[in-house]
Amino acid sequence: QVRLVESGGGLVQPGGSLELSCVVSGTDFSTQAMGWYRQAPGKRRELVARISILRSIYYQDFVKGRFTISRDNAKNTVYLRMNSLKPEDTAIYYCSVMNLSGVWGQGTQVTVSS
């Protein structure tokens, strides 16, 4: 059974930074493309970034230049470094195994507010 455990969220002021982590178990992590999604109150869940097994990376335009996705296959962990945070980045952030639909962790809350 695949399990995803996100952590690293919190309350940060605009312009601040956070680094999210997601530990994955129950699958061969090194053979999986991984992604980060977010869901703001009253909005649909949306893709933020994804990283392939060869570390090919895609970012949505609204985070380009501010967020960095990375992975450590030895630790079965995917990261999302978030810089220059804006109030509109406030959401619950989830990681995902890209070829496993409907499998989610509990998410980690990110709140950007002064």
C-alpha atoms as a PDB file:
ATOM      1  CA  GLN A   1       0.000   0.000   0.000  1.00  0.00           C
ATOM      2  CA  VAL A   2       1.421   3.349  -1.045  1.00  0.00           C
ATOM      3  CA  ARG A   3       1.740   5.905   1.763  1.00  0.00           C
ATOM      4  CA  LEU A   4       2.629   9.585   1.411  1.00  0.00           C
ATOM      5  CA  VAL A   5       3.543  11.720   4.433  1.00  0.00           C
ATOM      6  CA  GLU A   6       3.938  15.441   3.868  1.00  0.00           C
ATOM      7  CA  SER A   7       5.531  17.851   6.340  1.00  0.00           C
ATOM      8  CA  GLY A   8       7.141  21.272   6.573  1.00  0.00           C
ATOM      9  CA  GLY A   9       4.175  23.578   6.245  1.00  0.00           C
ATOM     10  CA  GLY A  10       3.425  26.490   8.533  1.00  0.00           C
ATOM     11  CA  LEU A  11       2.668  30.168   8.838  1.00  0.00           C
ATOM     12  CA  VAL A  12       5.051  32.514   7.047  1.00  0.00           C
ATOM     13  CA  GLN A  13       5.041  36.178   6.149  1.00  0.00           C
ATOM     14  CA  PRO A  14       4.870  37.316   2.527  1.00  0.00           C
ATOM     15  CA  GLY A  15       8.311  37.057   0.970  1.00  0.00           C
ATOM     16  CA  GLY A  16       9.292  34.245   3.294  1.00  0.00           C
ATOM     17  CA  SER A  17      10.382  30.699   2.551  1.00  0.00           C
ATOM     18  CA  LEU A  18       9.423  27.148   3.474  1.00  0.00           C
ATOM     19  CA  GLU A  19      10.618  23.716   2.447  1.00  0.00           C
ATOM     20  CA  LEU A  20       8.111  20.900   2.224  1.00  0.00           C
ATOM     21  CA  SER A  21       9.042  17.234   2.369  1.00  0.00           C
ATOM     22  CA  CYS A  22       7.132  14.122   1.384  1.00  0.00           C
ATOM     23  CA  VAL A  23       8.271  10.653   2.394  1.00  0.00           C
ATOM     24  CA  VAL A  24       6.934   7.857   0.219  1.00  0.00           C
ATOM     25  CA  SER A  25       6.576   4.184   1.122  1.00  0.00           C
ATOM     26  CA  GLY A  26       4.958   1.131  -0.423  1.00  0.00           C
ATOM     27  CA  THR A  27       6.368   1.624  -3.906  1.00  0.00           C
ATOM     28  CA  ASP A  28       9.750   1.717  -5.640  1.00  0.00           C
ATOM     29  CA  PHE A  29      10.263   5.455  -5.303  1.00  0.00           C
ATOM     30  CA  SER A  30      13.160   5.637  -7.761  1.00  0.00           C
ATOM     31  CA  THR A  31      10.912   4.427 -10.602  1.00  0.00           C
ATOM     32  CA  GLN A  32       8.123   6.935  -9.970  1.00  0.00           C
ATOM     33  CA  ALA A  33       7.547  10.428 -11.280  1.00  0.00           C
ATOM     34  CA  MET A  34       6.472  12.651  -8.396  1.00  0.00           C
ATOM     35  CA  GLY A  35       4.462  15.815  -8.128  1.00  0.00           C
ATOM     36  CA  TRP A  36       3.309  18.499  -5.714  1.00  0.00           C
ATOM     37  CA  TYR A  37      -0.264  19.748  -5.799  1.00  0.00           C
ATOM     38  CA  ARG A  38      -2.102  22.330  -3.761  1.00  0.00           C
ATOM     39  CA  GLN A  39      -5.682  23.101  -2.864  1.00  0.00           C
ATOM     40  CA  ALA A  40      -6.771  26.495  -1.646  1.00  0.00           C
ATOM     41  CA  PRO A  41     -10.092  26.987   0.193  1.00  0.00           C
ATOM     42  CA  GLY A  42     -12.981  26.805  -2.234  1.00  0.00           C
ATOM     43  CA  LYS A  43     -10.756  25.899  -5.173  1.00  0.00           C
ATOM     44  CA  ARG A  44      -9.875  22.749  -7.054  1.00  0.00           C
ATOM     45  CA  ARG A  45      -6.659  20.892  -6.384  1.00  0.00           C
ATOM     46  CA  GLU A  46      -4.009  21.996  -8.876  1.00  0.00           C
ATOM     47  CA  LEU A  47      -0.596  20.785  -9.976  1.00  0.00           C
ATOM     48  CA  VAL A  48       2.298  22.933  -8.759  1.00  0.00           C
ATOM     49  CA  ALA A  49       5.345  21.048 -10.062  1.00  0.00           C
ATOM     50  CA  ARG A  50       6.464  17.581 -11.043  1.00  0.00           C
ATOM     51  CA  ILE A  51       9.772  15.735 -11.394  1.00  0.00           C
ATOM     52  CA  SER A  52      10.423  12.664 -13.489  1.00  0.00           C
ATOM     53  CA  ILE A  53      12.613   9.694 -12.655  1.00  0.00           C
ATOM     54  CA  LEU A  54      15.353  11.326 -14.752  1.00  0.00           C
ATOM     55  CA  ARG A  55      14.769  14.634 -12.897  1.00  0.00           C
ATOM     56  CA  SER A  56      13.090  16.352 -15.807  1.00  0.00           C
ATOM     57  CA  ILE A  57      11.079  19.126 -14.140  1.00  0.00           C
ATOM     58  CA  TYR A  58       7.904  21.016 -14.918  1.00  0.00           C
ATOM     59  CA  TYR A  59       6.564  24.059 -13.054  1.00  0.00           C
ATOM     60  CA  GLN A  60       3.293  25.839 -13.362  1.00  0.00           C
ATOM     61  CA  ASP A  61       3.776  29.443 -14.447  1.00  0.00           C
ATOM     62  CA  PHE A  62       2.537  30.795 -11.123  1.00  0.00           C
ATOM     63  CA  VAL A  63       5.532  29.301  -9.248  1.00  0.00           C
ATOM     64  CA  LYS A  64       8.299  29.508 -11.847  1.00  0.00           C
ATOM     65  CA  GLY A  65      11.398  31.187 -10.439  1.00  0.00           C
ATOM     66  CA  ARG A  66      10.115  30.906  -6.856  1.00  0.00           C
ATOM     67  CA  PHE A  67       9.656  27.189  -6.158  1.00  0.00           C
ATOM     68  CA  THR A  68      12.116  24.314  -6.630  1.00  0.00           C
ATOM     69  CA  ILE A  69      11.163  20.639  -6.698  1.00  0.00           C
ATOM     70  CA  SER A  70      13.791  17.999  -6.013  1.00  0.00           C
ATOM     71  CA  ARG A  71      14.053  14.371  -4.997  1.00  0.00           C
ATOM     72  CA  ASP A  72      16.336  12.135  -2.972  1.00  0.00           C
ATOM     73  CA  ASN A  73      15.888   8.534  -4.059  1.00  0.00           C
ATOM     74  CA  ALA A  74      18.021   7.252  -1.182  1.00  0.00           C
ATOM     75  CA  LYS A  75      15.525   8.767   1.270  1.00  0.00           C
ATOM     76  CA  ASN A  76      12.347   8.067  -0.752  1.00  0.00           C
ATOM     77  CA  THR A  77      11.627  11.771  -0.392  1.00  0.00           C
ATOM     78  CA  VAL A  78      10.479  14.561  -2.678  1.00  0.00           C
ATOM     79  CA  TYR A  79      10.938  18.200  -1.671  1.00  0.00           C
ATOM     80  CA  LEU A  80       9.412  21.527  -2.566  1.00  0.00           C
ATOM     81  CA  ARG A  81      11.462  24.588  -1.711  1.00  0.00           C
ATOM     82  CA  MET A  82       9.253  27.670  -1.753  1.00  0.00           C
ATOM     83  CA  ASN A  83      10.757  31.153  -1.826  1.00  0.00           C
ATOM     84  CA  SER A  84       9.197  34.603  -2.198  1.00  0.00           C
ATOM     85  CA  LEU A  85       5.910  33.294  -0.890  1.00  0.00           C
ATOM     86  CA  LYS A  86       2.740  35.239  -1.621  1.00  0.00           C
ATOM     87  CA  PRO A  87      -0.644  35.246   0.161  1.00  0.00           C
ATOM     88  CA  GLU A  88      -2.115  33.490  -2.884  1.00  0.00           C
ATOM     89  CA  ASP A  89       0.201  30.521  -2.202  1.00  0.00           C
ATOM     90  CA  THR A  90      -1.871  29.763   0.896  1.00  0.00           C
ATOM     91  CA  ALA A  91      -3.206  26.220   0.504  1.00  0.00           C
ATOM     92  CA  ILE A  92      -2.878  22.649   1.636  1.00  0.00           C
ATOM     93  CA  TYR A  93       0.024  21.103  -0.246  1.00  0.00           C
ATOM     94  CA  TYR A  94       0.015  17.431  -1.247  1.00  0.00           C
ATOM     95  CA  CYS A  95       2.580  15.245  -2.931  1.00  0.00           C
ATOM     96  CA  SER A  96       1.561  12.642  -5.457  1.00  0.00           C
ATOM     97  CA  VAL A  97       2.897   9.598  -7.240  1.00  0.00           C
ATOM     98  CA  MET A  98       2.072  10.783 -10.728  1.00  0.00           C
ATOM     99  CA  ASN A  99       0.875   7.459 -12.164  1.00  0.00           C
ATOM    100  CA  LEU A 100      -1.274   6.558  -9.149  1.00  0.00           C
ATOM    101  CA  SER A 101      -4.509   8.496  -9.300  1.00  0.00           C
ATOM    102  CA  GLY A 102      -6.461   9.023  -6.124  1.00  0.00           C
ATOM    103  CA  VAL A 103      -3.577   8.287  -3.749  1.00  0.00           C
ATOM    104  CA  TRP A 104      -2.942  11.223  -1.425  1.00  0.00           C
ATOM    105  CA  GLY A 105      -1.372  11.928   1.896  1.00  0.00           C
ATOM    106  CA  GLN A 106      -2.854  14.127   4.587  1.00  0.00           C
ATOM    107  CA  GLY A 107      -1.233  17.223   3.128  1.00  0.00           C
ATOM    108  CA  THR A 108       0.562  20.058   4.894  1.00  0.00           C
ATOM    109  CA  GLN A 109      -0.954  23.496   5.440  1.00  0.00           C
ATOM    110  CA  VAL A 110       0.918  26.524   4.133  1.00  0.00           C
ATOM    111  CA  THR A 111      -0.388  29.920   5.226  1.00  0.00           C
ATOM    112  CA  VAL A 112       1.182  33.109   3.912  1.00  0.00           C
ATOM    113  CA  SER A 113       0.020  36.106   5.887  1.00  0.00           C
ATOM    114  CA  SER A 114       1.330  39.164   7.634  1.00  0.00           C
END
